């Protein structure tokens, strides 16, 4: 299996740290990653494991799913100064992204559940290449769920599939069958056989009209909604949904973090 952190490190420091070598920096040092904003932590455990593999001592970190406040130290380690300088930038960037995803997810969950306590916020597989593992962990840290981890663990019949196979009456699977209908007519037709219907880019007015009809056809049917749903409108969509499907947390603005590295005087 690919060691993603080693990949990130090789990308940022393929050979040596020219600046640290030029200045002759050595000895032991302490690294602290400090947040300038409030947020939710994510994937600090993964970063800590990498630091230990590189021979550093991890002193503390804010665990995934826990909140932090501006000024808090969210990750702290000691070790060879040359190693810490190499790890500094990728560590800060990594946590600025994962914690931003967790924070954005948490906000969506809170907003949606203020009007529908049972609604699930689930993110898609539209993750950034090479970062899916950590993006999904960050979503979970923020209180969200994963709509689809991969093509191999779920069934979603989309309009592209329906252009090839439109007769779905004999489907059987151990997994939930989720269908994304192309129009209202298909939604009403597939409501009888689907476990989940994904209504993509429906307006609030359209949802208000069709969701009661779908539920009357199949009371066990779960309604998932998607399409341009964000923190400004999620409360309105939550009124009609069992599941809200979104990719927006993946594109949250990275949190404002800073890093301090100080020598340990013997």
C-alpha atoms as a PDB file:
ATOM      1  CA  UNK A   1       0.000   0.000   0.000  1.00  0.00           C
ATOM      2  CA  UNK A   2       1.194   3.528  -0.800  1.00  0.00           C
ATOM      3  CA  UNK A   3       2.411   5.544   2.185  1.00  0.00           C
ATOM      4  CA  UNK A   4       0.683   8.832   1.408  1.00  0.00           C
ATOM      5  CA  UNK A   5       2.702  10.863   3.887  1.00  0.00           C
ATOM      6  CA  UNK A   6       5.944   9.625   2.353  1.00  0.00           C
ATOM      7  CA  UNK A   7       4.557  10.680  -1.008  1.00  0.00           C
ATOM      8  CA  UNK A   8       3.766  14.163   0.308  1.00  0.00           C
ATOM      9  CA  UNK A   9       7.227  14.424   1.863  1.00  0.00           C
ATOM     10  CA  UNK A  10       8.998  13.271  -1.286  1.00  0.00           C
ATOM     11  CA  UNK A  11       7.053  15.828  -3.302  1.00  0.00           C
ATOM     12  CA  UNK A  12       8.070  18.669  -0.970  1.00  0.00           C
ATOM     13  CA  UNK A  13      11.615  17.487  -0.179  1.00  0.00           C
ATOM     14  CA  UNK A  14      12.838  15.007  -2.794  1.00  0.00           C
ATOM     15  CA  UNK A  15      16.455  15.240  -1.637  1.00  0.00           C
ATOM     16  CA  UNK A  16      17.598  17.528   1.189  1.00  0.00           C
ATOM     17  CA  UNK A  17      16.396  20.762   2.782  1.00  0.00           C
ATOM     18  CA  UNK A  18      18.834  23.198   1.212  1.00  0.00           C
ATOM     19  CA  UNK A  19      18.103  26.023   3.657  1.00  0.00           C
ATOM     20  CA  UNK A  20      18.535  23.937   6.808  1.00  0.00           C
ATOM     21  CA  UNK A  21      21.712  22.371   5.440  1.00  0.00           C
ATOM     22  CA  UNK A  22      23.164  25.778   4.513  1.00  0.00           C
ATOM     23  CA  UNK A  23      22.517  27.146   8.002  1.00  0.00           C
ATOM     24  CA  UNK A  24      23.954  24.066   9.710  1.00  0.00           C
ATOM     25  CA  UNK A  25      20.846  23.568  11.842  1.00  0.00           C
ATOM     26  CA  UNK A  26      20.966  20.405  13.951  1.00  0.00           C
ATOM     27  CA  UNK A  27      20.188  19.114  17.432  1.00  0.00           C
ATOM     28  CA  UNK A  28      16.777  18.560  18.938  1.00  0.00           C
ATOM     29  CA  UNK A  29      13.810  20.863  18.524  1.00  0.00           C
ATOM     30  CA  UNK A  30      10.136  21.240  19.367  1.00  0.00           C
ATOM     31  CA  UNK A  31       7.468  21.816  16.714  1.00  0.00           C
ATOM     32  CA  UNK A  32       4.042  23.263  17.523  1.00  0.00           C
ATOM     33  CA  UNK A  33       1.186  23.737  15.083  1.00  0.00           C
ATOM     34  CA  UNK A  34      -1.087  26.516  16.348  1.00  0.00           C
ATOM     35  CA  UNK A  35      -4.508  27.526  15.079  1.00  0.00           C
ATOM     36  CA  UNK A  36      -5.563  31.126  14.545  1.00  0.00           C
ATOM     37  CA  UNK A  37      -9.259  30.172  14.303  1.00  0.00           C
ATOM     38  CA  UNK A  38     -11.833  27.926  15.978  1.00  0.00           C
ATOM     39  CA  UNK A  39     -12.488  24.555  14.392  1.00  0.00           C
ATOM     40  CA  UNK A  40     -12.849  20.787  14.548  1.00  0.00           C
ATOM     41  CA  UNK A  41      -9.801  18.526  14.497  1.00  0.00           C
ATOM     42  CA  UNK A  42      -9.331  15.718  11.994  1.00  0.00           C
ATOM     43  CA  UNK A  43      -6.629  13.181  11.132  1.00  0.00           C
ATOM     44  CA  UNK A  44      -4.160  14.282  13.815  1.00  0.00           C
ATOM     45  CA  UNK A  45      -3.776  10.624  14.767  1.00  0.00           C
ATOM     46  CA  UNK A  46      -2.589   9.811  11.245  1.00  0.00           C
ATOM     47  CA  UNK A  47      -0.070  12.646  11.346  1.00  0.00           C
ATOM     48  CA  UNK A  48       1.161  11.523  14.766  1.00  0.00           C
ATOM     49  CA  UNK A  49       1.744   7.995  13.467  1.00  0.00           C
ATOM     50  CA  UNK A  50       3.839   9.384  10.612  1.00  0.00           C
ATOM     51  CA  UNK A  51       5.932  11.502  12.994  1.00  0.00           C
ATOM     52  CA  UNK A  52       6.657   8.442  15.105  1.00  0.00           C
ATOM     53  CA  UNK A  53       7.755   6.527  12.007  1.00  0.00           C
ATOM     54  CA  UNK A  54      10.180   9.367  11.304  1.00  0.00           C
ATOM     55  CA  UNK A  55      11.657   9.043  14.784  1.00  0.00           C
ATOM     56  CA  UNK A  56       9.961  12.044  16.411  1.00  0.00           C
ATOM     57  CA  UNK A  57       8.256  12.079  19.813  1.00  0.00           C
ATOM     58  CA  UNK A  58       4.638  13.236  19.636  1.00  0.00           C
ATOM     59  CA  UNK A  59       3.858  15.216  22.777  1.00  0.00           C
ATOM     60  CA  UNK A  60       0.203  16.086  22.240  1.00  0.00           C
ATOM     61  CA  UNK A  61      -2.526  16.646  19.679  1.00  0.00           C
ATOM     62  CA  UNK A  62      -6.222  17.470  19.558  1.00  0.00           C
ATOM     63  CA  UNK A  63      -8.013  14.234  18.679  1.00  0.00           C
ATOM     64  CA  UNK A  64     -10.253  13.888  15.651  1.00  0.00           C
ATOM     65  CA  UNK A  65     -13.769  15.192  16.227  1.00  0.00           C
ATOM     66  CA  UNK A  66     -12.763  17.437  19.119  1.00  0.00           C
ATOM     67  CA  UNK A  67     -13.108  21.193  18.897  1.00  0.00           C
ATOM     68  CA  UNK A  68     -10.338  23.738  19.358  1.00  0.00           C
ATOM     69  CA  UNK A  69     -10.199  27.498  19.795  1.00  0.00           C
ATOM     70  CA  UNK A  70      -8.043  30.201  18.263  1.00  0.00           C
ATOM     71  CA  UNK A  71      -4.600  30.145  19.864  1.00  0.00           C
ATOM     72  CA  UNK A  72      -4.665  26.448  20.755  1.00  0.00           C
ATOM     73  CA  UNK A  73      -1.746  24.147  19.991  1.00  0.00           C
ATOM     74  CA  UNK A  74      -3.360  21.377  17.969  1.00  0.00           C
ATOM     75  CA  UNK A  75      -0.199  19.312  17.371  1.00  0.00           C
ATOM     76  CA  UNK A  76       3.137  19.197  19.197  1.00  0.00           C
ATOM     77  CA  UNK A  77       6.236  17.049  18.698  1.00  0.00           C
ATOM     78  CA  UNK A  78       9.948  16.885  19.508  1.00  0.00           C
ATOM     79  CA  UNK A  79      12.778  15.381  17.516  1.00  0.00           C
ATOM     80  CA  UNK A  80      15.734  15.958  15.230  1.00  0.00           C
ATOM     81  CA  UNK A  81      15.496  19.587  14.084  1.00  0.00           C
ATOM     82  CA  UNK A  82      16.377  18.675  10.503  1.00  0.00           C
ATOM     83  CA  UNK A  83      13.527  16.182  10.367  1.00  0.00           C
ATOM     84  CA  UNK A  84      11.044  18.630  11.879  1.00  0.00           C
ATOM     85  CA  UNK A  85      11.941  21.288   9.323  1.00  0.00           C
ATOM     86  CA  UNK A  86      11.256  18.768   6.561  1.00  0.00           C
ATOM     87  CA  UNK A  87       7.881  17.823   8.058  1.00  0.00           C
ATOM     88  CA  UNK A  88       6.784  21.337   8.959  1.00  0.00           C
ATOM     89  CA  UNK A  89       5.074  22.529   5.775  1.00  0.00           C
ATOM     90  CA  UNK A  90       3.340  19.309   4.754  1.00  0.00           C
ATOM     91  CA  UNK A  91       2.064  18.865   8.325  1.00  0.00           C
ATOM     92  CA  UNK A  92       0.610  22.351   8.570  1.00  0.00           C
ATOM     93  CA  UNK A  93      -0.944  22.147   5.113  1.00  0.00           C
ATOM     94  CA  UNK A  94      -2.341  18.683   5.809  1.00  0.00           C
ATOM     95  CA  UNK A  95      -4.087  19.740   9.015  1.00  0.00           C
ATOM     96  CA  UNK A  96      -5.299  23.029   7.536  1.00  0.00           C
ATOM     97  CA  UNK A  97      -7.210  20.992   4.943  1.00  0.00           C
ATOM     98  CA  UNK A  98      -8.483  18.092   7.059  1.00  0.00           C
ATOM     99  CA  UNK A  99      -9.601  20.326   9.918  1.00  0.00           C
ATOM    100  CA  UNK A 100     -11.332  22.653   7.454  1.00  0.00           C
ATOM    101  CA  UNK A 101     -13.303  19.720   6.037  1.00  0.00           C
ATOM    102  CA  UNK A 102     -14.310  18.559   9.523  1.00  0.00           C
ATOM    103  CA  UNK A 103     -15.292  22.089  10.532  1.00  0.00           C
ATOM    104  CA  UNK A 104     -17.378  22.652   7.392  1.00  0.00           C
ATOM    105  CA  UNK A 105     -19.078  19.279   7.794  1.00  0.00           C
ATOM    106  CA  UNK A 106     -19.923  20.003  11.423  1.00  0.00           C
ATOM    107  CA  UNK A 107     -21.537  23.298  10.460  1.00  0.00           C
ATOM    108  CA  UNK A 108     -23.699  21.641   7.804  1.00  0.00           C
ATOM    109  CA  UNK A 109     -24.779  18.932  10.246  1.00  0.00           C
ATOM    110  CA  UNK A 110     -25.742  21.464  12.886  1.00  0.00           C
ATOM    111  CA  UNK A 111     -27.715  23.613  10.453  1.00  0.00           C
ATOM    112  CA  UNK A 112     -29.596  20.706   8.865  1.00  0.00           C
ATOM    113  CA  UNK A 113     -30.437  19.001  12.145  1.00  0.00           C
ATOM    114  CA  UNK A 114     -31.804  22.215  13.610  1.00  0.00           C
ATOM    115  CA  UNK A 115     -34.872  21.593  11.409  1.00  0.00           C
ATOM    116  CA  UNK A 116     -34.632  17.821  10.863  1.00  0.00           C
ATOM    117  CA  UNK A 117     -32.897  15.993  13.754  1.00  0.00           C
ATOM    118  CA  UNK A 118     -32.749  12.712  11.825  1.00  0.00           C
ATOM    119  CA  UNK A 119     -31.265  13.927   8.561  1.00  0.00           C
ATOM    120  CA  UNK A 120     -27.922  12.496   7.453  1.00  0.00           C
ATOM    121  CA  UNK A 121     -25.256  14.653   5.811  1.00  0.00           C
ATOM    122  CA  UNK A 122     -23.307  12.420   3.443  1.00  0.00           C
ATOM    123  CA  UNK A 123     -20.427  13.359   1.181  1.00  0.00           C
ATOM    124  CA  UNK A 124     -19.712  12.028  -2.290  1.00  0.00           C
ATOM    125  CA  UNK A 125     -16.663  10.338  -3.786  1.00  0.00           C
ATOM    126  CA  UNK A 126     -15.710  13.563  -5.610  1.00  0.00           C
ATOM    127  CA  UNK A 127     -12.571  13.764  -3.532  1.00  0.00           C
ATOM    128  CA  UNK A 128      -9.191  15.081  -4.595  1.00  0.00           C
ATOM    129  CA  UNK A 129      -6.890  12.436  -6.131  1.00  0.00           C
ATOM    130  CA  UNK A 130      -4.586  10.947  -3.525  1.00  0.00           C
ATOM    131  CA  UNK A 131      -6.432  12.475  -0.582  1.00  0.00           C
ATOM    132  CA  UNK A 132      -9.701  10.494  -0.359  1.00  0.00           C
ATOM    133  CA  UNK A 133      -8.647   8.477   2.694  1.00  0.00           C
ATOM    134  CA  UNK A 134      -8.139  11.592   4.783  1.00  0.00           C
ATOM    135  CA  UNK A 135     -11.033  13.603   3.334  1.00  0.00           C
ATOM    136  CA  UNK A 136     -13.476  10.857   4.274  1.00  0.00           C
ATOM    137  CA  UNK A 137     -11.989  10.593   7.764  1.00  0.00           C
ATOM    138  CA  UNK A 138     -12.357  14.356   8.138  1.00  0.00           C
ATOM    139  CA  UNK A 139     -16.030  14.218   7.154  1.00  0.00           C
ATOM    140  CA  UNK A 140     -16.665  11.567   9.787  1.00  0.00           C
ATOM    141  CA  UNK A 141     -14.767  13.644  12.363  1.00  0.00           C
ATOM    142  CA  UNK A 142     -17.182  16.482  11.614  1.00  0.00           C
ATOM    143  CA  UNK A 143     -20.234  14.315  12.231  1.00  0.00           C
ATOM    144  CA  UNK A 144     -20.994  13.478   8.610  1.00  0.00           C
ATOM    145  CA  UNK A 145     -21.385  10.196   6.759  1.00  0.00           C
ATOM    146  CA  UNK A 146     -20.000   8.817   3.517  1.00  0.00           C
ATOM    147  CA  UNK A 147     -22.472   8.519   0.669  1.00  0.00           C
ATOM    148  CA  UNK A 148     -20.150   6.417  -1.480  1.00  0.00           C
ATOM    149  CA  UNK A 149     -16.593   5.454  -0.634  1.00  0.00           C
ATOM    150  CA  UNK A 150     -15.998   3.802  -3.992  1.00  0.00           C
ATOM    151  CA  UNK A 151     -17.679   2.010  -6.881  1.00  0.00           C
ATOM    152  CA  UNK A 152     -17.049  -1.278  -5.077  1.00  0.00           C
ATOM    153  CA  UNK A 153     -19.091  -0.721  -1.915  1.00  0.00           C
ATOM    154  CA  UNK A 154     -22.417   0.743  -3.061  1.00  0.00           C
ATOM    155  CA  UNK A 155     -25.005   0.742  -5.814  1.00  0.00           C
ATOM    156  CA  UNK A 156     -26.133   3.963  -7.459  1.00  0.00           C
ATOM    157  CA  UNK A 157     -28.011   3.720 -10.748  1.00  0.00           C
ATOM    158  CA  UNK A 158     -27.545   7.060 -12.494  1.00  0.00           C
ATOM    159  CA  UNK A 159     -29.027   8.568 -15.672  1.00  0.00           C
ATOM    160  CA  UNK A 160     -25.956   7.317 -17.547  1.00  0.00           C
ATOM    161  CA  UNK A 161     -26.751   3.751 -16.474  1.00  0.00           C
ATOM    162  CA  UNK A 162     -30.412   4.215 -17.378  1.00  0.00           C
ATOM    163  CA  UNK A 163     -29.461   5.047 -20.958  1.00  0.00           C
ATOM    164  CA  UNK A 164     -28.241   1.456 -21.229  1.00  0.00           C
ATOM    165  CA  UNK A 165     -30.719  -0.381 -18.979  1.00  0.00           C
ATOM    166  CA  UNK A 166     -34.110   1.153 -18.208  1.00  0.00           C
ATOM    167  CA  UNK A 167     -36.021  -1.952 -17.053  1.00  0.00           C
ATOM    168  CA  UNK A 168     -35.150  -2.310 -13.369  1.00  0.00           C
ATOM    169  CA  UNK A 169     -38.035  -4.425 -12.121  1.00  0.00           C
ATOM    170  CA  UNK A 170     -36.044  -7.607 -11.335  1.00  0.00           C
ATOM    171  CA  UNK A 171     -33.141  -6.095  -9.377  1.00  0.00           C
ATOM    172  CA  UNK A 172     -31.911  -7.967  -6.312  1.00  0.00           C
ATOM    173  CA  UNK A 173     -28.927  -7.097  -4.144  1.00  0.00           C
ATOM    174  CA  UNK A 174     -27.633  -7.450  -0.606  1.00  0.00           C
ATOM    175  CA  UNK A 175     -26.803  -3.730  -0.758  1.00  0.00           C
ATOM    176  CA  UNK A 176     -29.278  -0.888  -0.773  1.00  0.00           C
ATOM    177  CA  UNK A 177     -30.385   0.012  -4.271  1.00  0.00           C
ATOM    178  CA  UNK A 178     -30.160   3.740  -4.893  1.00  0.00           C
ATOM    179  CA  UNK A 179     -31.550   5.227  -8.100  1.00  0.00           C
ATOM    180  CA  UNK A 180     -31.181   8.706  -9.529  1.00  0.00           C
ATOM    181  CA  UNK A 181     -34.252   9.191 -11.757  1.00  0.00           C
ATOM    182  CA  UNK A 182     -34.104  11.408 -14.821  1.00  0.00           C
ATOM    183  CA  UNK A 183     -37.527  12.959 -14.298  1.00  0.00           C
ATOM    184  CA  UNK A 184     -40.631  12.906 -12.135  1.00  0.00           C
ATOM    185  CA  UNK A 185     -42.153  10.059 -14.124  1.00  0.00           C
ATOM    186  CA  UNK A 186     -39.153   7.826 -13.416  1.00  0.00           C
ATOM    187  CA  UNK A 187     -39.087   8.893  -9.767  1.00  0.00           C
ATOM    188  CA  UNK A 188     -42.680   7.728  -9.318  1.00  0.00           C
ATOM    189  CA  UNK A 189     -41.933   4.510 -11.224  1.00  0.00           C
ATOM    190  CA  UNK A 190     -38.766   3.611  -9.334  1.00  0.00           C
ATOM    191  CA  UNK A 191     -40.144   4.525  -5.908  1.00  0.00           C
ATOM    192  CA  UNK A 192     -41.636   1.044  -5.741  1.00  0.00           C
ATOM    193  CA  UNK A 193     -38.330  -0.802  -6.102  1.00  0.00           C
ATOM    194  CA  UNK A 194     -35.670   1.562  -4.753  1.00  0.00           C
ATOM    195  CA  UNK A 195     -34.348   1.705  -1.218  1.00  0.00           C
ATOM    196  CA  UNK A 196     -33.147   5.257  -1.847  1.00  0.00           C
ATOM    197  CA  UNK A 197     -34.094   7.790  -4.514  1.00  0.00           C
ATOM    198  CA  UNK A 198     -31.522  10.479  -5.220  1.00  0.00           C
ATOM    199  CA  UNK A 199     -33.252  13.659  -6.371  1.00  0.00           C
ATOM    200  CA  UNK A 200     -30.568  15.801  -7.951  1.00  0.00           C
ATOM    201  CA  UNK A 201     -31.042  19.533  -8.640  1.00  0.00           C
ATOM    202  CA  UNK A 202     -34.717  19.562  -7.689  1.00  0.00           C
ATOM    203  CA  UNK A 203     -36.055  22.919  -6.541  1.00  0.00           C
ATOM    204  CA  UNK A 204     -37.618  23.303  -3.122  1.00  0.00           C
ATOM    205  CA  UNK A 205     -41.019  23.693  -4.768  1.00  0.00           C
ATOM    206  CA  UNK A 206     -40.545  20.467  -6.751  1.00  0.00           C
ATOM    207  CA  UNK A 207     -39.456  18.573  -3.641  1.00  0.00           C
ATOM    208  CA  UNK A 208     -42.448  19.840  -1.696  1.00  0.00           C
ATOM    209  CA  UNK A 209     -44.723  18.451  -4.380  1.00  0.00           C
ATOM    210  CA  UNK A 210     -43.063  15.119  -5.172  1.00  0.00           C
ATOM    211  CA  UNK A 211     -41.672  13.853  -1.855  1.00  0.00           C
ATOM    212  CA  UNK A 212     -45.101  13.214  -0.246  1.00  0.00           C
ATOM    213  CA  UNK A 213     -46.172  11.327  -3.378  1.00  0.00           C
ATOM    214  CA  UNK A 214     -43.055   9.161  -3.299  1.00  0.00           C
ATOM    215  CA  UNK A 215     -43.457   8.383   0.391  1.00  0.00           C
ATOM    216  CA  UNK A 216     -47.093   7.384  -0.165  1.00  0.00           C
ATOM    217  CA  UNK A 217     -45.976   4.886  -2.822  1.00  0.00           C
ATOM    218  CA  UNK A 218     -43.257   3.415  -0.598  1.00  0.00           C
ATOM    219  CA  UNK A 219     -43.314   4.458   3.073  1.00  0.00           C
ATOM    220  CA  UNK A 220     -39.895   2.822   3.598  1.00  0.00           C
ATOM    221  CA  UNK A 221     -38.290   4.807   0.797  1.00  0.00           C
ATOM    222  CA  UNK A 222     -35.432   7.109   1.765  1.00  0.00           C
ATOM    223  CA  UNK A 223     -35.146  10.414  -0.055  1.00  0.00           C
ATOM    224  CA  UNK A 224     -31.682  11.781  -0.809  1.00  0.00           C
ATOM    225  CA  UNK A 225     -31.312  15.268  -2.242  1.00  0.00           C
ATOM    226  CA  UNK A 226     -28.291  16.820  -3.949  1.00  0.00           C
ATOM    227  CA  UNK A 227     -27.241  19.723  -6.123  1.00  0.00           C
ATOM    228  CA  UNK A 228     -25.873  23.110  -5.057  1.00  0.00           C
ATOM    229  CA  UNK A 229     -26.747  22.573  -1.396  1.00  0.00           C
ATOM    230  CA  UNK A 230     -24.653  24.663   0.980  1.00  0.00           C
ATOM    231  CA  UNK A 231     -24.780  26.297   4.402  1.00  0.00           C
ATOM    232  CA  UNK A 232     -27.036  29.059   3.062  1.00  0.00           C
ATOM    233  CA  UNK A 233     -29.859  26.773   1.935  1.00  0.00           C
ATOM    234  CA  UNK A 234     -29.333  23.422   3.650  1.00  0.00           C
ATOM    235  CA  UNK A 235     -31.994  24.071   6.295  1.00  0.00           C
ATOM    236  CA  UNK A 236     -34.645  24.400   3.598  1.00  0.00           C
ATOM    237  CA  UNK A 237     -33.621  21.191   1.839  1.00  0.00           C
ATOM    238  CA  UNK A 238     -33.398  19.298   5.142  1.00  0.00           C
ATOM    239  CA  UNK A 239     -37.175  19.607   5.513  1.00  0.00           C
ATOM    240  CA  UNK A 240     -37.689  17.188   2.615  1.00  0.00           C
ATOM    241  CA  UNK A 241     -34.732  14.816   2.929  1.00  0.00           C
ATOM    242  CA  UNK A 242     -33.608  11.755   4.816  1.00  0.00           C
ATOM    243  CA  UNK A 243     -30.129  12.196   3.329  1.00  0.00           C
ATOM    244  CA  UNK A 244     -28.399  15.300   1.997  1.00  0.00           C
ATOM    245  CA  UNK A 245     -25.608  14.454  -0.436  1.00  0.00           C
ATOM    246  CA  UNK A 246     -22.893  17.053  -0.919  1.00  0.00           C
ATOM    247  CA  UNK A 247     -19.271  17.554  -1.931  1.00  0.00           C
ATOM    248  CA  UNK A 248     -18.951  21.049  -0.492  1.00  0.00           C
ATOM    249  CA  UNK A 249     -16.862  20.187   2.617  1.00  0.00           C
ATOM    250  CA  UNK A 250     -14.027  18.970   0.387  1.00  0.00           C
ATOM    251  CA  UNK A 251     -13.662  22.491  -0.981  1.00  0.00           C
ATOM    252  CA  UNK A 252     -13.739  24.350   2.319  1.00  0.00           C
ATOM    253  CA  UNK A 253     -11.182  27.115   2.693  1.00  0.00           C
ATOM    254  CA  UNK A 254      -8.140  25.729   4.573  1.00  0.00           C
ATOM    255  CA  UNK A 255      -7.976  26.807   8.190  1.00  0.00           C
ATOM    256  CA  UNK A 256      -5.476  29.479   9.191  1.00  0.00           C
ATOM    257  CA  UNK A 257      -2.703  27.627  11.021  1.00  0.00           C
ATOM    258  CA  UNK A 258       0.871  28.541  11.851  1.00  0.00           C
ATOM    259  CA  UNK A 259       3.894  26.516  12.957  1.00  0.00           C
ATOM    260  CA  UNK A 260       6.669  27.351  15.409  1.00  0.00           C
ATOM    261  CA  UNK A 261       9.897  25.357  15.620  1.00  0.00           C
ATOM    262  CA  UNK A 262      12.211  26.114  18.536  1.00  0.00           C
ATOM    263  CA  UNK A 263      15.558  24.592  19.531  1.00  0.00           C
ATOM    264  CA  UNK A 264      15.767  22.564  22.705  1.00  0.00           C
ATOM    265  CA  UNK A 265      18.770  23.839  24.621  1.00  0.00           C
ATOM    266  CA  UNK A 266      20.727  21.117  26.384  1.00  0.00           C
END
